[in-house]
Amino acid sequence: MNYSKKGDILLLLALSILLSILPVTALAADETLIDEAALLTEGMLSGLSQNDYEKFSEHFNKNMKANMSEDVFTAAQTAITEKIGDYISKEFVGREDKGQFAVMQYRAAFTFEQDVVVTTVFSEENGKLLVAGFWLDSPKLRQ
């Protein structure tokens, strides 16, 4: 009976250690995704300000590439920079998972407007994070 209690205690100790490790591992995976998404979004925002379609679209998935051609980009880039200026900085606001997509939101500052909501939608294809959607929202952009 004494052996059984020691075995139970060891089993409980092992389970508590395992359970304490699991959330940390999941959080690290989330942090990695958040960090990578931030870098890809940064590249897009920089490409937008620099009027550089290649940089802007570098990590698009096939559907996004088909819907955001260079001509569409050029027209959108002109309208965006006229209304809110050039990109300055961003900060992460939150993440929402929708099925196979991770929706990341940022609050960004541009030269003419300081409170622009940036939303980037990501999907994973063949182990690679790709942009599946992207949009900006602000009072000046809605005018």
C-alpha atoms as a PDB file:
ATOM      1  CA  MET A   1       0.000   0.000   0.000  1.00  0.00           C
ATOM      2  CA  ASN A   2       2.902   2.344   0.726  1.00  0.00           C
ATOM      3  CA  TYR A   3       4.289   1.705  -2.805  1.00  0.00           C
ATOM      4  CA  SER A   4       0.906   2.561  -4.343  1.00  0.00           C
ATOM      5  CA  LYS A   5       0.801   5.950  -2.597  1.00  0.00           C
ATOM      6  CA  LYS A   6       4.347   6.745  -3.760  1.00  0.00           C
ATOM      7  CA  GLY A   7       3.382   5.703  -7.288  1.00  0.00           C
ATOM      8  CA  ASP A   8       0.284   7.882  -7.167  1.00  0.00           C
ATOM      9  CA  ILE A   9       2.303  10.841  -5.895  1.00  0.00           C
ATOM     10  CA  LEU A  10       4.911  10.376  -8.633  1.00  0.00           C
ATOM     11  CA  LEU A  11       2.170  10.099 -11.262  1.00  0.00           C
ATOM     12  CA  LEU A  12       0.483  13.284  -9.996  1.00  0.00           C
ATOM     13  CA  LEU A  13       3.828  15.071  -9.914  1.00  0.00           C
ATOM     14  CA  ALA A  14       4.610  13.965 -13.485  1.00  0.00           C
ATOM     15  CA  LEU A  15       1.149  15.076 -14.682  1.00  0.00           C
ATOM     16  CA  SER A  16       1.435  18.459 -12.990  1.00  0.00           C
ATOM     17  CA  ILE A  17       4.856  19.031 -14.595  1.00  0.00           C
ATOM     18  CA  LEU A  18       3.491  18.003 -17.999  1.00  0.00           C
ATOM     19  CA  LEU A  19       0.458  20.267 -17.653  1.00  0.00           C
ATOM     20  CA  SER A  20       2.630  23.187 -16.622  1.00  0.00           C
ATOM     21  CA  ILE A  21       4.835  22.719 -19.705  1.00  0.00           C
ATOM     22  CA  LEU A  22       2.019  22.405 -22.280  1.00  0.00           C
ATOM     23  CA  PRO A  23       0.663  25.966 -22.082  1.00  0.00           C
ATOM     24  CA  VAL A  24       4.182  27.389 -22.377  1.00  0.00           C
ATOM     25  CA  THR A  25       4.786  25.336 -25.533  1.00  0.00           C
ATOM     26  CA  ALA A  26       1.499  26.510 -27.075  1.00  0.00           C
ATOM     27  CA  LEU A  27       2.288  30.114 -26.155  1.00  0.00           C
ATOM     28  CA  ALA A  28       5.703  29.864 -27.799  1.00  0.00           C
ATOM     29  CA  ALA A  29       4.065  28.646 -30.998  1.00  0.00           C
ATOM     30  CA  ASP A  30       1.637  31.588 -30.822  1.00  0.00           C
ATOM     31  CA  GLU A  31       4.482  34.036 -30.229  1.00  0.00           C
ATOM     32  CA  THR A  32       6.349  32.643 -33.232  1.00  0.00           C
ATOM     33  CA  LEU A  33       3.283  33.103 -35.436  1.00  0.00           C
ATOM     34  CA  ILE A  34       2.685  36.613 -34.089  1.00  0.00           C
ATOM     35  CA  ASP A  35       6.330  37.563 -34.687  1.00  0.00           C
ATOM     36  CA  GLU A  36       6.395  36.164 -38.233  1.00  0.00           C
ATOM     37  CA  ALA A  37       3.057  37.799 -39.064  1.00  0.00           C
ATOM     38  CA  ALA A  38       4.378  41.136 -37.783  1.00  0.00           C
ATOM     39  CA  LEU A  39       7.426  40.884 -40.065  1.00  0.00           C
ATOM     40  CA  LEU A  40       5.299  40.065 -43.116  1.00  0.00           C
ATOM     41  CA  THR A  41       2.884  42.895 -42.335  1.00  0.00           C
ATOM     42  CA  GLU A  42       5.821  45.270 -41.852  1.00  0.00           C
ATOM     43  CA  GLY A  43       7.115  44.319 -45.299  1.00  0.00           C
ATOM     44  CA  MET A  44       3.732  44.971 -46.865  1.00  0.00           C
ATOM     45  CA  LEU A  45       3.346  48.362 -45.193  1.00  0.00           C
ATOM     46  CA  SER A  46       6.880  49.349 -46.215  1.00  0.00           C
ATOM     47  CA  GLY A  47       6.229  48.182 -49.777  1.00  0.00           C
ATOM     48  CA  LEU A  48       3.026  50.220 -49.807  1.00  0.00           C
ATOM     49  CA  SER A  49       4.807  53.404 -48.695  1.00  0.00           C
ATOM     50  CA  GLN A  50       7.672  52.821 -51.124  1.00  0.00           C
ATOM     51  CA  ASN A  51       5.280  52.041 -54.015  1.00  0.00           C
ATOM     52  CA  ASP A  52       7.087  48.702 -54.359  1.00  0.00           C
ATOM     53  CA  TYR A  53       4.660  46.023 -55.573  1.00  0.00           C
ATOM     54  CA  GLU A  54       7.242  43.220 -55.383  1.00  0.00           C
ATOM     55  CA  LYS A  55       7.942  43.923 -51.714  1.00  0.00           C
ATOM     56  CA  PHE A  56       4.243  44.451 -50.968  1.00  0.00           C
ATOM     57  CA  SER A  57       3.136  41.181 -52.577  1.00  0.00           C
ATOM     58  CA  GLU A  58       6.154  39.001 -51.765  1.00  0.00           C
ATOM     59  CA  HIS A  59       4.258  36.701 -49.361  1.00  0.00           C
ATOM     60  CA  PHE A  60       0.808  36.612 -50.986  1.00  0.00           C
ATOM     61  CA  ASN A  61      -0.964  33.320 -51.473  1.00  0.00           C
ATOM     62  CA  LYS A  62      -2.212  32.507 -55.016  1.00  0.00           C
ATOM     63  CA  ASN A  63      -5.680  33.933 -54.439  1.00  0.00           C
ATOM     64  CA  MET A  64      -4.336  37.201 -53.042  1.00  0.00           C
ATOM     65  CA  LYS A  65      -1.892  37.549 -55.955  1.00  0.00           C
ATOM     66  CA  ALA A  66      -4.758  37.025 -58.410  1.00  0.00           C
ATOM     67  CA  ASN A  67      -6.916  39.662 -56.723  1.00  0.00           C
ATOM     68  CA  MET A  68      -4.209  42.260 -56.067  1.00  0.00           C
ATOM     69  CA  SER A  69      -2.479  42.777 -59.392  1.00  0.00           C
ATOM     70  CA  GLU A  70       0.177  45.427 -59.830  1.00  0.00           C
ATOM     71  CA  ASP A  71      -2.377  47.744 -61.506  1.00  0.00           C
ATOM     72  CA  VAL A  72      -4.803  47.397 -58.596  1.00  0.00           C
ATOM     73  CA  PHE A  73      -1.925  47.979 -56.165  1.00  0.00           C
ATOM     74  CA  THR A  74      -0.811  51.143 -57.962  1.00  0.00           C
ATOM     75  CA  ALA A  75      -4.302  52.667 -57.865  1.00  0.00           C
ATOM     76  CA  ALA A  76      -4.792  51.722 -54.202  1.00  0.00           C
ATOM     77  CA  GLN A  77      -1.315  52.917 -53.202  1.00  0.00           C
ATOM     78  CA  THR A  78      -1.907  56.338 -54.763  1.00  0.00           C
ATOM     79  CA  ALA A  79      -5.271  56.766 -53.026  1.00  0.00           C
ATOM     80  CA  ILE A  80      -3.941  55.568 -49.667  1.00  0.00           C
ATOM     81  CA  THR A  81      -0.837  57.761 -49.624  1.00  0.00           C
ATOM     82  CA  GLU A  82      -2.851  60.825 -50.712  1.00  0.00           C
ATOM     83  CA  LYS A  83      -5.273  60.354 -47.811  1.00  0.00           C
ATOM     84  CA  ILE A  84      -3.112  59.071 -44.939  1.00  0.00           C
ATOM     85  CA  GLY A  85       0.471  59.531 -46.126  1.00  0.00           C
ATOM     86  CA  ASP A  86       3.379  57.175 -45.649  1.00  0.00           C
ATOM     87  CA  TYR A  87       3.619  54.380 -43.119  1.00  0.00           C
ATOM     88  CA  ILE A  88       5.567  55.186 -39.939  1.00  0.00           C
ATOM     89  CA  SER A  89       4.992  52.431 -37.366  1.00  0.00           C
ATOM     90  CA  LYS A  90       2.574  49.809 -36.047  1.00  0.00           C
ATOM     91  CA  GLU A  91       1.739  47.971 -32.847  1.00  0.00           C
ATOM     92  CA  PHE A  92       0.071  44.599 -32.442  1.00  0.00           C
ATOM     93  CA  VAL A  93      -3.518  44.794 -31.157  1.00  0.00           C
ATOM     94  CA  GLY A  94      -4.789  41.235 -31.322  1.00  0.00           C
ATOM     95  CA  ARG A  95      -5.304  37.943 -33.080  1.00  0.00           C
ATOM     96  CA  GLU A  96      -8.397  35.994 -33.989  1.00  0.00           C
ATOM     97  CA  ASP A  97      -8.410  32.511 -35.490  1.00  0.00           C
ATOM     98  CA  LYS A  98     -11.095  31.812 -38.077  1.00  0.00           C
ATOM     99  CA  GLY A  99     -10.859  28.236 -39.283  1.00  0.00           C
ATOM    100  CA  GLN A 100      -7.645  27.885 -41.263  1.00  0.00           C
ATOM    101  CA  PHE A 101      -6.938  31.616 -41.086  1.00  0.00           C
ATOM    102  CA  ALA A 102      -5.210  33.776 -38.467  1.00  0.00           C
ATOM    103  CA  VAL A 103      -6.464  37.365 -38.499  1.00  0.00           C
ATOM    104  CA  MET A 104      -3.951  39.826 -37.060  1.00  0.00           C
ATOM    105  CA  GLN A 105      -4.830  43.404 -36.194  1.00  0.00           C
ATOM    106  CA  TYR A 106      -2.456  46.293 -35.736  1.00  0.00           C
ATOM    107  CA  ARG A 107      -2.830  49.985 -34.981  1.00  0.00           C
ATOM    108  CA  ALA A 108      -0.585  51.956 -37.310  1.00  0.00           C
ATOM    109  CA  ALA A 109       0.648  55.499 -37.639  1.00  0.00           C
ATOM    110  CA  PHE A 110       0.942  57.190 -41.018  1.00  0.00           C
ATOM    111  CA  THR A 111       2.178  60.719 -41.716  1.00  0.00           C
ATOM    112  CA  PHE A 112      -1.350  62.207 -42.048  1.00  0.00           C
ATOM    113  CA  GLU A 113      -3.249  59.908 -39.680  1.00  0.00           C
ATOM    114  CA  GLN A 114      -2.087  58.278 -36.456  1.00  0.00           C
ATOM    115  CA  ASP A 115      -4.865  55.746 -35.822  1.00  0.00           C
ATOM    116  CA  VAL A 116      -5.128  53.402 -38.812  1.00  0.00           C
ATOM    117  CA  VAL A 117      -6.387  49.863 -38.253  1.00  0.00           C
ATOM    118  CA  VAL A 118      -4.369  47.352 -40.266  1.00  0.00           C
ATOM    119  CA  THR A 119      -5.798  43.861 -40.677  1.00  0.00           C
ATOM    120  CA  THR A 120      -3.742  41.071 -42.212  1.00  0.00           C
ATOM    121  CA  VAL A 121      -5.145  37.589 -42.755  1.00  0.00           C
ATOM    122  CA  PHE A 122      -2.701  34.685 -42.875  1.00  0.00           C
ATOM    123  CA  SER A 123      -2.943  31.086 -43.982  1.00  0.00           C
ATOM    124  CA  GLU A 124      -0.354  28.348 -43.905  1.00  0.00           C
ATOM    125  CA  GLU A 125       0.465  26.500 -47.106  1.00  0.00           C
ATOM    126  CA  ASN A 126       3.142  23.821 -47.271  1.00  0.00           C
ATOM    127  CA  GLY A 127       4.508  24.961 -43.916  1.00  0.00           C
ATOM    128  CA  LYS A 128       4.857  28.562 -45.070  1.00  0.00           C
ATOM    129  CA  LEU A 129       2.930  31.544 -43.702  1.00  0.00           C
ATOM    130  CA  LEU A 130       1.241  33.476 -46.525  1.00  0.00           C
ATOM    131  CA  VAL A 131      -0.947  36.570 -46.747  1.00  0.00           C
ATOM    132  CA  ALA A 132      -4.549  35.734 -47.661  1.00  0.00           C
ATOM    133  CA  GLY A 133      -6.054  39.172 -46.999  1.00  0.00           C
ATOM    134  CA  PHE A 134      -5.035  42.720 -46.145  1.00  0.00           C
ATOM    135  CA  TRP A 135      -6.852  45.973 -45.554  1.00  0.00           C
ATOM    136  CA  LEU A 136      -6.575  49.344 -43.869  1.00  0.00           C
ATOM    137  CA  ASP A 137      -9.335  51.279 -42.132  1.00  0.00           C
ATOM    138  CA  SER A 138      -9.474  54.811 -40.794  1.00  0.00           C
ATOM    139  CA  PRO A 139     -11.791  57.821 -40.866  1.00  0.00           C
ATOM    140  CA  LYS A 140      -9.756  59.502 -43.640  1.00  0.00           C
ATOM    141  CA  LEU A 141      -9.759  56.340 -45.767  1.00  0.00           C
ATOM    142  CA  ARG A 142     -13.552  56.137 -45.486  1.00  0.00           C
ATOM    143  CA  GLN A 143     -13.963  59.675 -46.885  1.00  0.00           C
END
